[in-house]
Amino acid sequence: MTNLKDITLATAELAKTTAQFIATEAANFSKDKVELKGKSDLVSYVDKETEKKLVTGLSDILPEAGFITEENTISQDKKAYTWVIDPLDGTTNFVHGLPAYAISIGLMHGDDVVAGVIHEVTRSETFYAWKDGGAFMNDEPIHVTDAASIDESLFATGFPIHNFEKLDDYLAILNELMKDAHGLRRVGSAATDMAYVACGRYEAFFEYNLNPWDVAAGVILVKEAGGFISDFKGGSDFLFGREMVAAGPVHPKLLEVIKKHWF
C-alpha cells in the first residue's frame, strides 16, 4: 500500500481499534502499575502494550517503514518511510483518570510528515490528514479558525516536567497572554492540543521540551487544516527541535510575544 489516503484511513481504523484496549484498561487501572521514566514522566504497561499493538498493525499497513516510538518496544530505525508513534500521549492524565489522552501516529517520508492520525480516546474523536488531502475529524472536514489577533484567541500550552532553565522566560510569555487573550489552557496532551487547533477549538498551541512523537501527527493535521507550524524563531526546526508553535492566522502575533521573552 503506497497511496497516502489509503494508508491514512487504514491507520485511523487501527487507532480506533487499539483505543478500545486503552479504554478497557482505564476502567480498572491502578496507580501501583505505574513506572517512572523521570520524576514527572510516567509510563505503564498500557503505554507499552498499546505501542506493540500499533507497531504490529502499522507493519501490516506499510511493511517497508521504520519506526520512531516513545516506549522503544521496537528497534528505532528511520527509513524512507518512518512511523513516529506516541501510543498514549497524556499518560499522566490516564493514570489520574483525567481526560484527555490520545494515540498519535505520524508518517514521515524523508524529513517531511506526510500523514497523521490522532485518536482522542475519552471523546472517541479521530483526527487524520494526509499531504494535499485535507484534514478531517470523524470523517468531516476540519479547518483552523480565522482569528488573527491575540485578543480574540484561546491558546493551549504545556508545562515543563524537566529542563527548567527557561522557566522564567516561559512564565513571562504566559503572563502577557493571560492579560490579553481569551485564556490559556493546559490539557496535558500535546497531540490533543494540536488536533484541537486543527479543528478550530484553539487558535494556537505552543510548547517547549517536546519530542517528535508528541507532535508528528499534529504537524500534518494543522498544515492540512490551513494552519501554520514553526519553531519559536519562526523557522522549520519544530519536529526534532523541541519547541513548536502551531496556529491559525494568529501565528505571527503569537510568535511576536514568544520572541520578545524567549530570546
C-alpha atoms as a PDB file:
ATOM      1  CA  MET A   1       0.000   0.000   0.000  1.00  0.00           C
ATOM      2  CA  THR A   2       1.595   3.295  -1.124  1.00  0.00           C
ATOM      3  CA  ASN A   3      -1.409   5.569  -1.565  1.00  0.00           C
ATOM      4  CA  LEU A   4      -1.316   8.134   1.255  1.00  0.00           C
ATOM      5  CA  LYS A   5      -5.093   8.337   1.565  1.00  0.00           C
ATOM      6  CA  ASP A   6      -5.418   4.575   1.876  1.00  0.00           C
ATOM      7  CA  ILE A   7      -2.546   4.449   4.376  1.00  0.00           C
ATOM      8  CA  THR A   8      -4.104   7.200   6.473  1.00  0.00           C
ATOM      9  CA  LEU A   9      -7.587   5.691   6.538  1.00  0.00           C
ATOM     10  CA  ALA A  10      -6.183   2.279   7.448  1.00  0.00           C
ATOM     11  CA  THR A  11      -4.123   3.892  10.207  1.00  0.00           C
ATOM     12  CA  ALA A  12      -7.185   5.710  11.532  1.00  0.00           C
ATOM     13  CA  GLU A  13      -9.062   2.409  11.780  1.00  0.00           C
ATOM     14  CA  LEU A  14      -6.105   0.833  13.560  1.00  0.00           C
ATOM     15  CA  ALA A  15      -6.001   3.715  16.048  1.00  0.00           C
ATOM     16  CA  LYS A  16      -9.727   3.404  16.782  1.00  0.00           C
ATOM     17  CA  THR A  17      -9.475  -0.350  17.306  1.00  0.00           C
ATOM     18  CA  THR A  18      -6.395  -0.055  19.512  1.00  0.00           C
ATOM     19  CA  ALA A  19      -8.032   2.686  21.570  1.00  0.00           C
ATOM     20  CA  GLN A  20     -10.572   0.126  22.753  1.00  0.00           C
ATOM     21  CA  PHE A  21      -7.754  -1.599  24.661  1.00  0.00           C
ATOM     22  CA  ILE A  22      -6.811   1.690  26.360  1.00  0.00           C
ATOM     23  CA  ALA A  23     -10.429   2.421  27.275  1.00  0.00           C
ATOM     24  CA  THR A  24     -10.909  -1.063  28.724  1.00  0.00           C
ATOM     25  CA  GLU A  25      -7.757  -0.807  30.828  1.00  0.00           C
ATOM     26  CA  ALA A  26      -8.702   2.673  32.044  1.00  0.00           C
ATOM     27  CA  ALA A  27     -11.785   1.294  33.765  1.00  0.00           C
ATOM     28  CA  ASN A  28      -9.729  -0.768  36.228  1.00  0.00           C
ATOM     29  CA  PHE A  29      -6.325   0.874  36.147  1.00  0.00           C
ATOM     30  CA  SER A  30      -4.355   1.046  39.398  1.00  0.00           C
ATOM     31  CA  LYS A  31      -1.625   3.602  40.086  1.00  0.00           C
ATOM     32  CA  ASP A  32       0.609   0.876  41.515  1.00  0.00           C
ATOM     33  CA  LYS A  33       1.118  -0.266  37.928  1.00  0.00           C
ATOM     34  CA  VAL A  34       2.936   2.964  37.039  1.00  0.00           C
ATOM     35  CA  GLU A  35       6.653   3.213  36.334  1.00  0.00           C
ATOM     36  CA  LEU A  36       8.739   6.380  36.410  1.00  0.00           C
ATOM     37  CA  LYS A  37      10.967   7.325  33.469  1.00  0.00           C
ATOM     38  CA  GLY A  38      11.661  10.611  35.280  1.00  0.00           C
ATOM     39  CA  LYS A  39      10.289  12.468  38.304  1.00  0.00           C
ATOM     40  CA  SER A  40       7.161  13.535  36.421  1.00  0.00           C
ATOM     41  CA  ASP A  41       7.455  11.273  33.380  1.00  0.00           C
ATOM     42  CA  LEU A  42       5.093   8.331  33.842  1.00  0.00           C
ATOM     43  CA  VAL A  43       4.707   5.109  31.868  1.00  0.00           C
ATOM     44  CA  SER A  44       2.609   1.987  32.338  1.00  0.00           C
ATOM     45  CA  TYR A  45       2.018  -1.404  30.767  1.00  0.00           C
ATOM     46  CA  VAL A  46      -0.848   0.257  28.859  1.00  0.00           C
ATOM     47  CA  ASP A  47       1.602   2.527  27.005  1.00  0.00           C
ATOM     48  CA  LYS A  48       3.860  -0.406  26.148  1.00  0.00           C
ATOM     49  CA  GLU A  49       1.149  -2.846  25.119  1.00  0.00           C
ATOM     50  CA  THR A  50      -0.599  -0.183  23.042  1.00  0.00           C
ATOM     51  CA  GLU A  51       2.668   0.565  21.256  1.00  0.00           C
ATOM     52  CA  LYS A  52       3.193  -3.127  20.476  1.00  0.00           C
ATOM     53  CA  LYS A  53      -0.310  -3.379  19.012  1.00  0.00           C
ATOM     54  CA  LEU A  54       0.263  -0.278  16.887  1.00  0.00           C
ATOM     55  CA  VAL A  55       3.649  -1.478  15.640  1.00  0.00           C
ATOM     56  CA  THR A  56       2.157  -4.802  14.579  1.00  0.00           C
ATOM     57  CA  GLY A  57      -0.736  -3.147  12.765  1.00  0.00           C
ATOM     58  CA  LEU A  58       1.382  -0.465  11.110  1.00  0.00           C
ATOM     59  CA  SER A  59       3.864  -3.081   9.917  1.00  0.00           C
ATOM     60  CA  ASP A  60       0.999  -4.693   8.020  1.00  0.00           C
ATOM     61  CA  ILE A  61      -0.100  -1.360   6.543  1.00  0.00           C
ATOM     62  CA  LEU A  62       3.380  -0.317   5.345  1.00  0.00           C
ATOM     63  CA  PRO A  63       5.884  -3.165   5.811  1.00  0.00           C
ATOM     64  CA  GLU A  64       8.875  -1.222   4.476  1.00  0.00           C
ATOM     65  CA  ALA A  65       8.609   1.597   7.026  1.00  0.00           C
ATOM     66  CA  GLY A  66      10.855   2.156  10.044  1.00  0.00           C
ATOM     67  CA  PHE A  67       9.817   3.332  13.498  1.00  0.00           C
ATOM     68  CA  ILE A  68      10.485   6.107  15.983  1.00  0.00           C
ATOM     69  CA  THR A  69       8.477   5.308  19.120  1.00  0.00           C
ATOM     70  CA  GLU A  70       8.265   6.705  22.633  1.00  0.00           C
ATOM     71  CA  GLU A  71       8.470   3.435  24.543  1.00  0.00           C
ATOM     72  CA  ASN A  72      11.173   1.738  22.431  1.00  0.00           C
ATOM     73  CA  THR A  73       9.288  -1.540  22.128  1.00  0.00           C
ATOM     74  CA  ILE A  74      10.837  -1.956  18.675  1.00  0.00           C
ATOM     75  CA  SER A  75      14.216  -1.078  17.222  1.00  0.00           C
ATOM     76  CA  GLN A  76      14.341   2.627  16.356  1.00  0.00           C
ATOM     77  CA  ASP A  77      15.111   2.702  12.658  1.00  0.00           C
ATOM     78  CA  LYS A  78      14.484   5.664  10.364  1.00  0.00           C
ATOM     79  CA  LYS A  79      13.914   4.634   6.750  1.00  0.00           C
ATOM     80  CA  ALA A  80      12.490   6.205   3.582  1.00  0.00           C
ATOM     81  CA  TYR A  81       9.120   5.988   5.342  1.00  0.00           C
ATOM     82  CA  THR A  82       9.089   6.157   9.134  1.00  0.00           C
ATOM     83  CA  TRP A  83       6.247   5.835  11.615  1.00  0.00           C
ATOM     84  CA  VAL A  84       6.511   8.219  14.585  1.00  0.00           C
ATOM     85  CA  ILE A  85       4.345   6.936  17.432  1.00  0.00           C
ATOM     86  CA  ASP A  86       3.163   8.039  20.839  1.00  0.00           C
ATOM     87  CA  PRO A  87       0.903   5.194  21.990  1.00  0.00           C
ATOM     88  CA  LEU A  88      -0.612   7.173  24.863  1.00  0.00           C
ATOM     89  CA  ASP A  89       0.024  10.899  24.790  1.00  0.00           C
ATOM     90  CA  GLY A  90      -1.224  12.158  28.132  1.00  0.00           C
ATOM     91  CA  THR A  91      -0.167   9.227  30.302  1.00  0.00           C
ATOM     92  CA  THR A  92      -0.333  11.330  33.477  1.00  0.00           C
ATOM     93  CA  ASN A  93      -3.956  12.172  32.674  1.00  0.00           C
ATOM     94  CA  PHE A  94      -4.671   8.481  32.066  1.00  0.00           C
ATOM     95  CA  VAL A  95      -3.064   7.451  35.357  1.00  0.00           C
ATOM     96  CA  HIS A  96      -5.106  10.010  37.305  1.00  0.00           C
ATOM     97  CA  GLY A  97      -8.355   9.280  35.486  1.00  0.00           C
ATOM     98  CA  LEU A  98      -8.473  12.607  33.681  1.00  0.00           C
ATOM     99  CA  PRO A  99      -9.268  13.371  30.049  1.00  0.00           C
ATOM    100  CA  ALA A 100      -7.623  13.896  27.644  1.00  0.00           C
ATOM    101  CA  TYR A 101      -5.248  11.269  26.288  1.00  0.00           C
ATOM    102  CA  ALA A 102      -4.632  10.177  22.748  1.00  0.00           C
ATOM    103  CA  ILE A 103      -2.938   7.832  20.326  1.00  0.00           C
ATOM    104  CA  SER A 104      -0.678   9.811  17.990  1.00  0.00           C
ATOM    105  CA  ILE A 105       0.707   8.317  14.772  1.00  0.00           C
ATOM    106  CA  GLY A 106       2.675  10.298  12.207  1.00  0.00           C
ATOM    107  CA  LEU A 107       4.208   9.034   8.977  1.00  0.00           C
ATOM    108  CA  MET A 108       7.353  10.664   7.658  1.00  0.00           C
ATOM    109  CA  HIS A 109       8.701  10.400   4.120  1.00  0.00           C
ATOM    110  CA  GLY A 110      12.291  11.517   4.390  1.00  0.00           C
ATOM    111  CA  ASP A 111      12.174  14.613   6.584  1.00  0.00           C
ATOM    112  CA  ASP A 112       8.541  15.501   5.850  1.00  0.00           C
ATOM    113  CA  VAL A 113       5.452  14.387   7.753  1.00  0.00           C
ATOM    114  CA  VAL A 114       3.050  13.196   5.062  1.00  0.00           C
ATOM    115  CA  ALA A 115       0.247  11.600   7.077  1.00  0.00           C
ATOM    116  CA  GLY A 116      -1.036  11.690  10.625  1.00  0.00           C
ATOM    117  CA  VAL A 117      -3.715  10.269  12.887  1.00  0.00           C
ATOM    118  CA  ILE A 118      -4.645  11.394  16.395  1.00  0.00           C
ATOM    119  CA  HIS A 119      -7.345   9.475  18.215  1.00  0.00           C
ATOM    120  CA  GLU A 120      -8.543  11.108  21.446  1.00  0.00           C
ATOM    121  CA  VAL A 121      -9.678   8.141  23.499  1.00  0.00           C
ATOM    122  CA  THR A 122     -12.090   9.651  26.010  1.00  0.00           C
ATOM    123  CA  ARG A 123     -14.147  11.508  23.377  1.00  0.00           C
ATOM    124  CA  SER A 124     -13.772   8.852  20.640  1.00  0.00           C
ATOM    125  CA  GLU A 125     -12.658  11.510  18.168  1.00  0.00           C
ATOM    126  CA  THR A 126     -10.401  10.510  15.297  1.00  0.00           C
ATOM    127  CA  PHE A 127      -8.440  13.274  13.566  1.00  0.00           C
ATOM    128  CA  TYR A 128      -6.491  12.482  10.419  1.00  0.00           C
ATOM    129  CA  ALA A 129      -4.801  14.108   7.445  1.00  0.00           C
ATOM    130  CA  TRP A 130      -2.506  13.289   4.577  1.00  0.00           C
ATOM    131  CA  LYS A 131      -0.393  15.531   2.393  1.00  0.00           C
ATOM    132  CA  ASP A 132      -2.529  17.560  -0.040  1.00  0.00           C
ATOM    133  CA  GLY A 133      -5.613  15.647   1.095  1.00  0.00           C
ATOM    134  CA  GLY A 134      -7.119  17.925   3.727  1.00  0.00           C
ATOM    135  CA  ALA A 135      -7.793  17.299   7.412  1.00  0.00           C
ATOM    136  CA  PHE A 136     -10.732  15.504   8.991  1.00  0.00           C
ATOM    137  CA  MET A 137     -12.356  14.630  12.305  1.00  0.00           C
ATOM    138  CA  ASN A 138     -14.629  11.578  12.312  1.00  0.00           C
ATOM    139  CA  ASP A 139     -14.840  11.839   8.513  1.00  0.00           C
ATOM    140  CA  GLU A 140     -15.865  15.506   8.489  1.00  0.00           C
ATOM    141  CA  PRO A 141     -13.508  18.176   7.059  1.00  0.00           C
ATOM    142  CA  ILE A 142     -11.935  20.485   9.636  1.00  0.00           C
ATOM    143  CA  HIS A 143     -10.188  23.854   9.439  1.00  0.00           C
ATOM    144  CA  VAL A 144      -8.347  26.203  11.753  1.00  0.00           C
ATOM    145  CA  THR A 145     -10.179  29.314  12.946  1.00  0.00           C
ATOM    146  CA  ASP A 146      -9.843  32.652  11.154  1.00  0.00           C
ATOM    147  CA  ALA A 147      -8.955  34.649  14.300  1.00  0.00           C
ATOM    148  CA  ALA A 148      -5.865  36.761  13.636  1.00  0.00           C
ATOM    149  CA  SER A 149      -5.415  38.730  16.860  1.00  0.00           C
ATOM    150  CA  ILE A 150      -4.367  37.832  20.392  1.00  0.00           C
ATOM    151  CA  ASP A 151      -7.466  39.369  21.951  1.00  0.00           C
ATOM    152  CA  GLU A 152      -9.820  37.022  20.098  1.00  0.00           C
ATOM    153  CA  SER A 153      -7.783  33.870  20.694  1.00  0.00           C
ATOM    154  CA  LEU A 154      -7.789  30.921  23.084  1.00  0.00           C
ATOM    155  CA  PHE A 155      -4.345  29.355  23.455  1.00  0.00           C
ATOM    156  CA  ALA A 156      -3.125  25.941  24.568  1.00  0.00           C
ATOM    157  CA  THR A 157       0.270  25.176  26.043  1.00  0.00           C
ATOM    158  CA  GLY A 158       2.085  22.670  28.228  1.00  0.00           C
ATOM    159  CA  PHE A 159       4.167  22.943  31.377  1.00  0.00           C
ATOM    160  CA  PRO A 160       7.739  21.617  31.527  1.00  0.00           C
ATOM    161  CA  ILE A 161       8.462  18.457  33.518  1.00  0.00           C
ATOM    162  CA  HIS A 162      12.230  18.903  33.231  1.00  0.00           C
ATOM    163  CA  ASN A 163      14.704  21.441  31.820  1.00  0.00           C
ATOM    164  CA  PHE A 164      13.530  24.418  33.873  1.00  0.00           C
ATOM    165  CA  GLU A 165      16.325  26.786  32.786  1.00  0.00           C
ATOM    166  CA  LYS A 166      13.919  28.778  30.603  1.00  0.00           C
ATOM    167  CA  LEU A 167      11.048  28.745  33.061  1.00  0.00           C
ATOM    168  CA  ASP A 168      11.151  32.480  33.838  1.00  0.00           C
ATOM    169  CA  ASP A 169      11.069  33.329  30.125  1.00  0.00           C
ATOM    170  CA  TYR A 170       8.194  30.922  29.627  1.00  0.00           C
ATOM    171  CA  LEU A 171       6.250  32.437  32.522  1.00  0.00           C
ATOM    172  CA  ALA A 172       6.754  35.896  31.031  1.00  0.00           C
ATOM    173  CA  ILE A 173       5.096  34.679  27.825  1.00  0.00           C
ATOM    174  CA  LEU A 174       2.188  33.257  29.810  1.00  0.00           C
ATOM    175  CA  ASN A 175       1.886  36.464  31.820  1.00  0.00           C
ATOM    176  CA  GLU A 176       1.417  38.572  28.697  1.00  0.00           C
ATOM    177  CA  LEU A 177      -1.013  36.165  27.064  1.00  0.00           C
ATOM    178  CA  MET A 178      -3.094  35.811  30.238  1.00  0.00           C
ATOM    179  CA  LYS A 179      -3.746  39.545  30.194  1.00  0.00           C
ATOM    180  CA  ASP A 180      -4.578  39.866  26.502  1.00  0.00           C
ATOM    181  CA  ALA A 181      -6.106  36.604  25.220  1.00  0.00           C
ATOM    182  CA  HIS A 182      -9.409  34.831  25.829  1.00  0.00           C
ATOM    183  CA  GLY A 183      -7.449  32.418  28.003  1.00  0.00           C
ATOM    184  CA  LEU A 184      -4.806  29.732  28.306  1.00  0.00           C
ATOM    185  CA  ARG A 185      -5.464  26.001  28.580  1.00  0.00           C
ATOM    186  CA  ARG A 186      -3.169  23.184  29.689  1.00  0.00           C
ATOM    187  CA  VAL A 187      -4.872  19.913  28.751  1.00  0.00           C
ATOM    188  CA  GLY A 188      -1.820  17.688  29.256  1.00  0.00           C
ATOM    189  CA  SER A 189      -1.635  16.072  25.807  1.00  0.00           C
ATOM    190  CA  ALA A 190       0.249  17.877  23.046  1.00  0.00           C
ATOM    191  CA  ALA A 191      -1.298  15.630  20.403  1.00  0.00           C
ATOM    192  CA  THR A 192      -4.791  16.535  21.584  1.00  0.00           C
ATOM    193  CA  ASP A 193      -3.863  20.220  21.682  1.00  0.00           C
ATOM    194  CA  MET A 194      -2.722  20.139  18.058  1.00  0.00           C
ATOM    195  CA  ALA A 195      -5.828  18.279  16.958  1.00  0.00           C
ATOM    196  CA  TYR A 196      -7.902  20.963  18.662  1.00  0.00           C
ATOM    197  CA  VAL A 197      -6.007  23.690  16.812  1.00  0.00           C
ATOM    198  CA  ALA A 198      -6.693  21.870  13.542  1.00  0.00           C
ATOM    199  CA  CYS A 199     -10.441  21.707  14.202  1.00  0.00           C
ATOM    200  CA  GLY A 200     -10.727  25.284  15.483  1.00  0.00           C
ATOM    201  CA  ARG A 201     -11.229  24.752  19.211  1.00  0.00           C
ATOM    202  CA  TYR A 202      -8.000  26.636  19.931  1.00  0.00           C
ATOM    203  CA  GLU A 203      -6.444  29.394  17.889  1.00  0.00           C
ATOM    204  CA  ALA A 204      -2.923  28.167  18.692  1.00  0.00           C
ATOM    205  CA  PHE A 205      -0.728  25.802  20.673  1.00  0.00           C
ATOM    206  CA  PHE A 206       2.856  26.393  21.768  1.00  0.00           C
ATOM    207  CA  GLU A 207       5.238  24.430  23.970  1.00  0.00           C
ATOM    208  CA  TYR A 208       8.892  23.574  24.529  1.00  0.00           C
ATOM    209  CA  ASN A 209      10.608  20.352  25.696  1.00  0.00           C
ATOM    210  CA  LEU A 210       8.607  18.434  23.094  1.00  0.00           C
ATOM    211  CA  ASN A 211       9.520  15.130  21.466  1.00  0.00           C
ATOM    212  CA  PRO A 212       8.864  14.217  17.821  1.00  0.00           C
ATOM    213  CA  TRP A 213       6.309  11.554  18.779  1.00  0.00           C
ATOM    214  CA  ASP A 214       4.315  14.197  20.678  1.00  0.00           C
ATOM    215  CA  VAL A 215       3.761  16.339  17.612  1.00  0.00           C
ATOM    216  CA  ALA A 216       4.468  14.491  14.345  1.00  0.00           C
ATOM    217  CA  ALA A 217       0.833  13.640  13.609  1.00  0.00           C
ATOM    218  CA  GLY A 218      -0.279  17.109  14.649  1.00  0.00           C
ATOM    219  CA  VAL A 219       2.080  18.775  12.183  1.00  0.00           C
ATOM    220  CA  ILE A 220       0.297  17.442   9.121  1.00  0.00           C
ATOM    221  CA  LEU A 221      -3.129  17.893  10.727  1.00  0.00           C
ATOM    222  CA  VAL A 222      -2.599  21.597  11.378  1.00  0.00           C
ATOM    223  CA  LYS A 223      -0.992  22.214   7.985  1.00  0.00           C
ATOM    224  CA  GLU A 224      -3.749  20.437   6.074  1.00  0.00           C
ATOM    225  CA  ALA A 225      -6.354  22.295   8.144  1.00  0.00           C
ATOM    226  CA  GLY A 226      -4.930  25.577   6.856  1.00  0.00           C
ATOM    227  CA  GLY A 227      -2.662  26.398   9.773  1.00  0.00           C
ATOM    228  CA  PHE A 228       0.978  27.252  10.302  1.00  0.00           C
ATOM    229  CA  ILE A 229       3.788  25.396  12.092  1.00  0.00           C
ATOM    230  CA  SER A 230       7.128  26.792  13.239  1.00  0.00           C
ATOM    231  CA  ASP A 231       9.697  26.688  15.993  1.00  0.00           C
ATOM    232  CA  PHE A 232       9.931  29.626  18.410  1.00  0.00           C
ATOM    233  CA  LYS A 233      12.164  31.530  15.959  1.00  0.00           C
ATOM    234  CA  GLY A 234       9.639  31.137  13.179  1.00  0.00           C
ATOM    235  CA  GLY A 235      11.817  28.538  11.455  1.00  0.00           C
ATOM    236  CA  SER A 236      11.326  24.915  10.478  1.00  0.00           C
ATOM    237  CA  ASP A 237      13.164  23.097  13.288  1.00  0.00           C
ATOM    238  CA  PHE A 238       9.939  22.106  15.018  1.00  0.00           C
ATOM    239  CA  LEU A 239       9.887  18.310  14.787  1.00  0.00           C
ATOM    240  CA  PHE A 240      13.214  17.492  16.413  1.00  0.00           C
ATOM    241  CA  GLY A 241      13.999  20.970  17.753  1.00  0.00           C
ATOM    242  CA  ARG A 242      11.990  20.512  20.977  1.00  0.00           C
ATOM    243  CA  GLU A 243       9.729  23.575  20.521  1.00  0.00           C
ATOM    244  CA  MET A 244       6.685  24.370  18.446  1.00  0.00           C
ATOM    245  CA  VAL A 245       4.069  26.953  17.583  1.00  0.00           C
ATOM    246  CA  ALA A 246       1.005  25.572  15.784  1.00  0.00           C
ATOM    247  CA  ALA A 247      -1.644  28.114  14.892  1.00  0.00           C
ATOM    248  CA  GLY A 248      -4.126  29.633  12.532  1.00  0.00           C
ATOM    249  CA  PRO A 249      -3.770  33.232  11.275  1.00  0.00           C
ATOM    250  CA  VAL A 250      -2.798  34.443  14.765  1.00  0.00           C
ATOM    251  CA  HIS A 251       0.564  32.694  14.299  1.00  0.00           C
ATOM    252  CA  PRO A 252       2.663  35.828  13.585  1.00  0.00           C
ATOM    253  CA  LYS A 253       1.164  37.742  16.525  1.00  0.00           C
ATOM    254  CA  LEU A 254       1.772  34.859  18.922  1.00  0.00           C
ATOM    255  CA  LEU A 255       5.300  34.462  17.578  1.00  0.00           C
ATOM    256  CA  GLU A 256       5.995  38.138  18.347  1.00  0.00           C
ATOM    257  CA  VAL A 257       5.069  37.575  22.002  1.00  0.00           C
ATOM    258  CA  ILE A 258       7.186  34.436  22.251  1.00  0.00           C
ATOM    259  CA  LYS A 259      10.241  36.004  20.615  1.00  0.00           C
ATOM    260  CA  LYS A 260      10.027  39.061  22.881  1.00  0.00           C
ATOM    261  CA  HIS A 261      10.533  36.969  26.002  1.00  0.00           C
ATOM    262  CA  TRP A 262      12.349  33.854  24.805  1.00  0.00           C
ATOM    263  CA  PHE A 263      15.446  35.234  23.034  1.00  0.00           C
END
